[in-house]
């Protein structure tokens, strides 16, 4: 029996962990996998040792309050690795936690596989030396990452982006909009304010203010707020103050929201790739606390933040970060996309190019095959 320990944080990591676990269990039915994850991981057959929810925030200063819980979770996972001796530890993104866990597990002589590696090309490049020392193999999801690890002497494999397979068929746009009480004949703007409480707190109020400006300039525009699971209602109270705005909140149907939208206003992160997979023109925004931004900006090595722009190698969608993120600037960009068909078509063509760079279908299966090969187990079923 093959036993794996897995560690992921954040909703996106949990989503990828779930897809990976399903493929691992298909290839090796007697495999057991347990660790830090969430509902997607558990539903796919993983055993939760700890739940990541309540452990994750963004920012350098915001993380301080989570340190005690993070330390306790790390100790528990390291203890499981010591007592149960899994065949390998698989870590998914979440580098501040996962690299500390990897150090503890490496001392036990247990192989470590990093799936969806840290963004060392964007900031903290010194982490690559730590990864080279601790990790047996890195599985990357963006094509440009492979050369970075190869040049550093780290065993690496490009498996493609798992979201390509995880985007569901959203069904007819008209049926979705009618179901949520909107008019399919009128322009729709999607609003994706993030999946973490502190993200939504920093981002949603100005996105709602931008929506009000858009509605004034493009009368009749409708708005759909894609609400991530497990967020408190108080984070969305700002919508109650937006009287007269044709807006609805939809939870758990982000892909349907994006498929129905003419333009999206989205927090930077995985959501930008998700939006690109729907060829939906977008305005990318982000904001953290001033002290976090001041400290973190010194460490950043890239001139662009949005993942779709990084993949494209140029700025194909606008990104409004920190002080540049205002209701007025967001509204101006969105209005341009709503009213300028040529710009909208140009962005869609660039997003289609980004989609082609993501490796096609089968990323989670390729990652599972690479993990099984790394631990020296022959798949029980044909790949």
Protein backbone atom coordinates (compact mmCIF):
# COMPACT_ATOMS: atom_id res chain seq x y z
CA UNK A 1 0.00 0.00 0.00
CA UNK A 2 1.29 3.45 -0.98
CA UNK A 3 0.85 6.15 1.65
CA UNK A 4 1.20 9.85 0.90
CA UNK A 5 1.12 12.89 3.15
CA UNK A 6 -0.24 16.01 1.43
CA UNK A 7 -0.27 19.67 2.42
CA UNK A 8 -2.17 22.49 0.73
CA UNK A 9 -3.74 25.77 1.80
CA UNK A 10 -6.25 28.16 0.24
CA UNK A 11 -9.28 27.28 -1.89
CA UNK A 12 -7.27 26.94 -5.11
CA UNK A 13 -4.79 24.56 -3.50
CA UNK A 14 -7.64 22.49 -2.11
CA UNK A 15 -9.26 22.37 -5.56
CA UNK A 16 -6.05 21.09 -7.12
CA UNK A 17 -5.51 18.64 -4.25
CA UNK A 18 -8.95 17.18 -4.88
CA UNK A 19 -8.29 16.69 -8.59
CA UNK A 20 -4.86 15.21 -7.90
CA UNK A 21 -6.23 12.82 -5.27
CA UNK A 22 -8.88 11.50 -7.64
CA UNK A 23 -6.23 10.76 -10.27
CA UNK A 24 -3.86 9.16 -7.76
CA UNK A 25 -6.58 6.86 -6.48
CA UNK A 26 -7.55 5.93 -10.04
CA UNK A 27 -3.98 4.98 -10.86
CA UNK A 28 -3.36 3.28 -7.50
CA UNK A 29 -6.65 2.20 -5.87
CA UNK A 30 -5.02 1.00 -2.64
CA UNK A 31 -3.23 4.34 -2.13
CA UNK A 32 -4.00 6.26 1.04
CA UNK A 33 -3.48 10.00 1.24
CA UNK A 34 -3.93 12.26 4.25
CA UNK A 35 -2.90 15.70 5.38
CA UNK A 36 -3.72 19.40 5.42
CA UNK A 37 -6.51 20.26 3.01
CA UNK A 38 -10.15 21.20 2.73
CA UNK A 39 -13.49 19.98 1.43
CA UNK A 40 -12.32 19.23 -2.12
CA UNK A 41 -9.47 17.08 -0.87
CA UNK A 42 -11.76 15.25 1.55
CA UNK A 43 -14.48 14.67 -1.06
CA UNK A 44 -11.92 13.15 -3.41
CA UNK A 45 -10.94 10.55 -0.80
CA UNK A 46 -8.24 12.30 1.19
CA UNK A 47 -8.21 12.08 4.98
CA UNK A 48 -8.11 15.45 6.70
CA UNK A 49 -5.54 15.60 9.47
CA UNK A 50 -6.07 19.37 9.61
CA UNK A 51 -8.38 21.75 7.72
CA UNK A 52 -6.62 24.69 6.07
CA UNK A 53 -9.61 27.00 6.55
CA UNK A 54 -8.88 29.63 9.15
CA UNK A 55 -5.15 29.25 8.51
CA UNK A 56 -4.70 31.41 5.40
CA UNK A 57 -4.51 35.16 4.88
CA UNK A 58 -2.63 37.41 2.46
CA UNK A 59 0.05 39.87 3.42
CA UNK A 60 3.22 39.99 5.48
CA UNK A 61 1.73 41.62 8.57
CA UNK A 62 -1.68 39.94 8.39
CA UNK A 63 -0.14 36.49 8.88
CA UNK A 64 1.06 37.29 12.42
CA UNK A 65 -2.26 36.40 14.02
CA UNK A 66 -2.21 32.99 12.35
CA UNK A 67 1.24 31.97 13.58
CA UNK A 68 0.15 29.95 16.66
CA UNK A 69 -2.34 27.86 14.66
CA UNK A 70 0.16 27.48 11.84
CA UNK A 71 2.86 26.24 14.22
CA UNK A 72 0.50 23.75 15.85
CA UNK A 73 -0.62 22.43 12.45
CA UNK A 74 2.97 22.04 11.31
CA UNK A 75 3.89 20.11 14.45
CA UNK A 76 0.96 17.76 13.99
CA UNK A 77 1.77 17.01 10.33
CA UNK A 78 5.46 16.51 11.11
CA UNK A 79 4.45 14.15 13.90
CA UNK A 80 2.30 12.12 11.52
CA UNK A 81 5.23 11.91 9.09
CA UNK A 82 7.50 10.70 11.89
CA UNK A 83 5.07 8.12 13.23
CA UNK A 84 3.53 6.80 10.00
CA UNK A 85 6.46 7.14 7.57
CA UNK A 86 4.57 7.93 4.34
CA UNK A 87 6.20 7.10 1.01
CA UNK A 88 6.35 10.80 0.14
CA UNK A 89 5.16 14.25 1.14
CA UNK A 90 3.34 16.17 -1.62
CA UNK A 91 3.13 19.91 -1.03
CA UNK A 92 0.93 22.19 -3.13
CA UNK A 93 1.86 25.88 -3.39
CA UNK A 94 1.38 27.63 0.06
CA UNK A 95 5.17 28.12 0.39
CA UNK A 96 5.45 29.96 3.73
CA UNK A 97 3.96 26.93 5.47
CA UNK A 98 4.97 24.15 3.11
CA UNK A 99 8.67 24.93 3.00
CA UNK A 100 8.82 24.82 6.81
CA UNK A 101 6.99 21.50 6.76
CA UNK A 102 9.35 20.24 4.05
CA UNK A 103 12.37 21.01 6.24
CA UNK A 104 10.92 18.97 9.10
CA UNK A 105 9.97 16.03 6.87
CA UNK A 106 13.25 16.10 4.95
CA UNK A 107 15.10 15.39 8.20
CA UNK A 108 13.14 12.14 8.40
CA UNK A 109 14.47 11.00 5.02
CA UNK A 110 11.02 11.09 3.39
CA UNK A 111 10.93 12.18 -0.30
CA UNK A 112 9.22 15.51 -1.02
CA UNK A 113 7.45 16.46 -4.25
CA UNK A 114 6.44 20.09 -4.83
CA UNK A 115 3.35 20.45 -7.04
CA UNK A 116 2.52 24.02 -8.14
CA UNK A 117 5.72 25.60 -7.00
CA UNK A 118 6.28 28.98 -5.30
CA UNK A 119 6.41 31.99 -7.60
CA UNK A 120 10.17 32.37 -7.27
CA UNK A 121 10.27 34.21 -10.59
CA UNK A 122 8.20 36.99 -9.00
CA UNK A 123 9.74 37.32 -5.56
CA UNK A 124 12.00 35.62 -3.00
CA UNK A 125 14.17 33.87 -5.61
CA UNK A 126 16.42 32.57 -2.83
CA UNK A 127 13.81 29.92 -2.15
CA UNK A 128 15.09 27.96 -5.12
CA UNK A 129 18.18 26.97 -3.13
CA UNK A 130 15.92 25.65 -0.36
CA UNK A 131 13.84 23.74 -2.90
CA UNK A 132 16.96 22.25 -4.50
CA UNK A 133 18.10 21.01 -1.09
CA UNK A 134 14.77 19.61 0.11
CA UNK A 135 12.68 18.55 -2.87
CA UNK A 136 13.06 15.44 -4.98
CA UNK A 137 10.98 16.76 -7.89
CA UNK A 138 9.07 19.93 -8.78
CA UNK A 139 5.91 19.74 -10.92
CA UNK A 140 5.21 23.12 -12.52
CA UNK A 141 2.03 24.40 -14.15
CA UNK A 142 3.35 27.28 -16.25
CA UNK A 143 5.65 26.61 -19.22
CA UNK A 144 8.17 29.35 -18.42
CA UNK A 145 8.84 27.86 -14.96
CA UNK A 146 10.57 24.75 -16.28
CA UNK A 147 13.68 26.57 -17.52
CA UNK A 148 14.05 28.38 -14.18
CA UNK A 149 14.32 25.10 -12.28
CA UNK A 150 16.41 23.37 -14.94
CA UNK A 151 18.93 26.22 -14.84
CA UNK A 152 19.11 25.86 -11.05
CA UNK A 153 19.70 22.12 -11.24
CA UNK A 154 16.32 21.14 -9.77
CA UNK A 155 14.53 18.07 -11.23
CA UNK A 156 11.40 19.52 -12.81
CA UNK A 157 8.48 18.49 -15.00
CA UNK A 158 5.91 20.73 -16.70
CA UNK A 159 2.50 19.08 -16.26
CA UNK A 160 0.20 21.92 -17.33
CA UNK A 161 -2.46 23.84 -15.44
CA UNK A 162 -5.12 21.76 -13.65
CA UNK A 163 -7.76 24.46 -14.12
CA UNK A 164 -7.99 23.55 -17.81
CA UNK A 165 -9.83 20.36 -16.81
CA UNK A 166 -11.62 21.80 -13.79
CA UNK A 167 -13.60 24.47 -15.64
CA UNK A 168 -17.13 23.00 -15.83
CA UNK A 169 -19.59 23.47 -18.65
CA UNK A 170 -21.52 26.49 -17.46
CA UNK A 171 -24.54 25.74 -19.63
CA UNK A 172 -26.53 28.31 -21.61
CA UNK A 173 -25.79 31.91 -20.62
CA UNK A 174 -29.44 32.90 -20.98
CA UNK A 175 -30.66 30.14 -18.65
CA UNK A 176 -28.15 31.08 -15.93
CA UNK A 177 -28.93 34.79 -16.06
CA UNK A 178 -32.68 34.21 -15.97
CA UNK A 179 -32.26 31.85 -13.02
CA UNK A 180 -30.45 34.52 -10.99
CA UNK A 181 -32.97 37.18 -11.98
CA UNK A 182 -31.01 39.07 -14.65
CA UNK A 183 -31.79 40.01 -18.25
CA UNK A 184 -29.74 38.07 -20.85
CA UNK A 185 -30.12 40.94 -23.32
CA UNK A 186 -28.24 43.44 -21.13
CA UNK A 187 -24.52 43.82 -20.42
CA UNK A 188 -23.19 41.83 -17.45
CA UNK A 189 -20.13 42.62 -15.32
CA UNK A 190 -18.74 39.88 -13.06
CA UNK A 191 -17.16 40.89 -9.73
CA UNK A 192 -14.62 38.50 -8.14
CA UNK A 193 -13.36 40.12 -4.92
CA UNK A 194 -11.20 37.21 -3.73
CA UNK A 195 -11.57 34.11 -1.60
CA UNK A 196 -9.94 35.19 1.69
CA UNK A 197 -11.73 37.42 4.21
CA UNK A 198 -9.00 40.07 4.29
CA UNK A 199 -8.94 40.20 0.48
CA UNK A 200 -12.67 40.83 0.29
CA UNK A 201 -12.46 43.44 3.06
CA UNK A 202 -9.77 45.39 1.19
CA UNK A 203 -11.19 44.96 -2.32
CA UNK A 204 -14.98 44.67 -2.45
CA UNK A 205 -15.98 48.19 -1.26
CA UNK A 206 -14.09 49.90 -4.09
CA UNK A 207 -15.33 47.37 -6.64
CA UNK A 208 -18.91 48.12 -5.58
CA UNK A 209 -18.19 51.86 -5.91
CA UNK A 210 -16.78 51.17 -9.39
CA UNK A 211 -19.94 49.28 -10.30
CA UNK A 212 -22.04 52.30 -9.40
CA UNK A 213 -19.92 54.49 -11.71
CA UNK A 214 -20.21 51.93 -14.52
CA UNK A 215 -23.99 51.80 -14.11
CA UNK A 216 -24.19 55.58 -14.51
CA UNK A 217 -22.09 55.60 -17.69
CA UNK A 218 -23.51 52.43 -19.23
CA UNK A 219 -27.15 52.44 -18.11
CA UNK A 220 -28.77 49.08 -17.56
CA UNK A 221 -25.52 47.23 -16.85
CA UNK A 222 -26.02 44.28 -14.49
CA UNK A 223 -23.54 42.96 -11.93
CA UNK A 224 -22.97 39.48 -10.56
CA UNK A 225 -20.77 39.10 -7.48
CA UNK A 226 -19.09 35.69 -7.36
CA UNK A 227 -18.89 34.86 -3.66
CA UNK A 228 -16.35 32.29 -2.54
CA UNK A 229 -17.51 29.67 0.00
CA UNK A 230 -17.01 30.01 3.76
CA UNK A 231 -17.06 33.82 3.90
CA UNK A 232 -19.03 35.77 6.51
CA UNK A 233 -22.09 37.72 5.41
CA UNK A 234 -20.72 40.91 6.99
CA UNK A 235 -18.05 41.08 4.29
CA UNK A 236 -20.82 41.67 1.74
CA UNK A 237 -22.81 44.21 3.76
CA UNK A 238 -21.41 46.97 1.54
CA UNK A 239 -23.80 45.79 -1.18
CA UNK A 240 -26.75 46.82 0.96
CA UNK A 241 -25.60 50.41 0.59
CA UNK A 242 -25.54 50.19 -3.20
CA UNK A 243 -29.21 50.99 -3.66
CA UNK A 244 -30.45 50.96 -7.21
CA UNK A 245 -27.60 48.77 -8.46
CA UNK A 246 -28.78 45.77 -10.50
CA UNK A 247 -26.60 43.27 -8.65
CA UNK A 248 -26.92 39.71 -7.39
CA UNK A 249 -24.61 37.54 -5.30
CA UNK A 250 -23.97 34.01 -6.52
CA UNK A 251 -22.04 31.51 -4.40
CA UNK A 252 -20.26 28.43 -5.72
CA UNK A 253 -20.86 29.13 -9.44
CA UNK A 254 -17.90 31.28 -10.41
CA UNK A 255 -17.50 29.62 -13.80
CA UNK A 256 -21.15 30.22 -14.69
CA UNK A 257 -20.71 33.84 -13.63
CA UNK A 258 -17.62 34.28 -15.80
CA UNK A 259 -19.17 32.51 -18.77
CA UNK A 260 -22.13 34.90 -18.63
CA UNK A 261 -20.09 38.08 -18.20
CA UNK A 262 -19.05 40.60 -20.83
CA UNK A 263 -16.31 41.94 -18.51
CA UNK A 264 -14.92 40.80 -15.15
CA UNK A 265 -13.50 42.85 -12.29
CA UNK A 266 -11.27 40.38 -10.48
CA UNK A 267 -8.79 40.20 -7.65
CA UNK A 268 -5.33 39.16 -8.78
CA UNK A 269 -4.51 35.48 -8.35
CA UNK A 270 -5.81 32.17 -9.65
CA UNK A 271 -9.09 33.86 -10.60
CA UNK A 272 -7.33 35.65 -13.45
CA UNK A 273 -6.42 32.30 -15.03
CA UNK A 274 -9.97 31.07 -14.45
CA UNK A 275 -11.29 34.21 -16.15
CA UNK A 276 -8.88 33.75 -19.07
CA UNK A 277 -10.14 30.20 -19.61
CA UNK A 278 -13.54 31.74 -20.34
CA UNK A 279 -11.98 34.34 -22.70
CA UNK A 280 -13.62 37.03 -20.58
CA UNK A 281 -11.97 40.49 -20.73
CA UNK A 282 -10.96 41.59 -17.24
CA UNK A 283 -9.72 44.38 -15.02
CA UNK A 284 -7.33 42.97 -12.41
CA UNK A 285 -7.11 44.68 -9.00
CA UNK A 286 -5.39 44.09 -5.71
CA UNK A 287 -4.76 45.80 -2.40
CA UNK A 288 -3.14 44.82 0.89
CA UNK A 289 -2.39 46.87 3.99
CA UNK A 290 -0.01 49.80 3.34
CA UNK A 291 2.78 48.36 5.49
CA UNK A 292 2.52 44.95 3.78
CA UNK A 293 2.73 46.61 0.37
CA UNK A 294 5.67 48.79 1.40
CA UNK A 295 7.61 45.81 2.74
CA UNK A 296 6.63 43.39 0.01
CA UNK A 297 7.17 45.68 -2.98
CA UNK A 298 10.90 45.73 -2.30
CA UNK A 299 11.02 41.96 -2.75
CA UNK A 300 9.05 41.78 -6.00
CA UNK A 301 11.13 41.17 -9.13
CA UNK A 302 8.47 41.58 -11.85
CA UNK A 303 6.81 44.63 -13.35
CA UNK A 304 3.43 42.97 -13.69
CA UNK A 305 1.35 41.07 -11.13
CA UNK A 306 -1.56 39.51 -13.03
CA UNK A 307 -0.87 35.89 -13.90
CA UNK A 308 -2.39 36.21 -17.38
CA UNK A 309 0.00 39.06 -18.18
CA UNK A 310 2.96 37.06 -16.91
CA UNK A 311 2.00 34.06 -19.06
CA UNK A 312 1.43 36.27 -22.10
CA UNK A 313 4.76 38.03 -21.62
CA UNK A 314 3.08 41.40 -21.98
CA UNK A 315 0.31 43.42 -20.39
CA UNK A 316 -2.84 42.23 -22.16
CA UNK A 317 -5.28 43.27 -19.43
CA UNK A 318 -5.07 46.28 -17.09
CA UNK A 319 -3.93 45.68 -13.54
CA UNK A 320 -4.60 48.25 -10.85
CA UNK A 321 -2.57 47.55 -7.73
CA UNK A 322 -2.67 49.34 -4.35
CA UNK A 323 -2.95 53.13 -4.87
CA UNK A 324 -3.72 52.70 -8.58
CA UNK A 325 -6.82 50.73 -7.58
CA UNK A 326 -9.60 53.30 -7.27
CA UNK A 327 -13.27 53.13 -8.24
CA UNK A 328 -12.66 55.69 -10.95
CA UNK A 329 -9.79 53.82 -12.63
CA UNK A 330 -11.60 50.48 -12.46
CA UNK A 331 -14.75 51.99 -13.92
CA UNK A 332 -12.86 53.71 -16.74
CA UNK A 333 -11.20 50.45 -17.84
CA UNK A 334 -14.41 48.44 -17.59
CA UNK A 335 -16.43 51.04 -19.50
CA UNK A 336 -13.82 51.04 -22.26
CA UNK A 337 -14.14 47.26 -22.60
CA UNK A 338 -17.93 47.38 -22.53
CA UNK A 339 -18.18 50.08 -25.19
CA UNK A 340 -15.18 49.36 -27.46
CA UNK A 341 -15.75 46.10 -29.40
CA UNK A 342 -12.29 46.23 -31.00
CA UNK A 343 -10.54 46.39 -27.63
CA UNK A 344 -12.73 43.61 -26.28
CA UNK A 345 -11.96 41.36 -29.26
CA UNK A 346 -8.22 42.09 -28.99
CA UNK A 347 -8.19 41.09 -25.33
CA UNK A 348 -10.12 37.91 -26.07
CA UNK A 349 -7.62 36.94 -28.76
CA UNK A 350 -4.74 37.47 -26.31
CA UNK A 351 -6.52 35.43 -23.64
CA UNK A 352 -6.99 32.59 -26.13
CA UNK A 353 -3.20 32.62 -26.62
CA UNK A 354 -2.73 32.41 -22.84
CA UNK A 355 -5.08 29.44 -22.70
CA UNK A 356 -3.00 27.62 -25.31
CA UNK A 357 0.10 28.06 -23.12
CA UNK A 358 -1.44 26.14 -20.22
CA UNK A 359 -0.65 22.65 -21.45
CA UNK A 360 -4.01 21.27 -22.57
CA UNK A 361 -6.14 18.77 -20.68
CA UNK A 362 -4.81 16.08 -18.35
CA UNK A 363 -2.62 18.13 -15.99
CA UNK A 364 -3.84 16.42 -12.82
CA UNK A 365 -3.33 12.98 -14.39
CA UNK A 366 0.20 13.89 -15.48
CA UNK A 367 0.97 15.17 -11.99
CA UNK A 368 -0.36 11.95 -10.44
CA UNK A 369 1.74 9.82 -12.80
CA UNK A 370 4.84 11.84 -11.95
CA UNK A 371 4.23 11.40 -8.22
CA UNK A 372 3.70 7.66 -8.50
CA UNK A 373 6.84 7.34 -10.62
CA UNK A 374 8.82 9.38 -8.07
CA UNK A 375 7.88 7.07 -5.21
CA UNK A 376 8.69 4.00 -7.31
CA UNK A 377 5.22 2.46 -7.53
CA UNK A 378 3.83 0.97 -10.72
CA UNK A 379 0.31 2.23 -11.55
CA UNK A 380 -2.36 -0.40 -11.02
CA UNK A 381 -4.28 0.71 -14.12
CA UNK A 382 -3.10 1.85 -17.55
CA UNK A 383 -2.46 5.58 -17.81
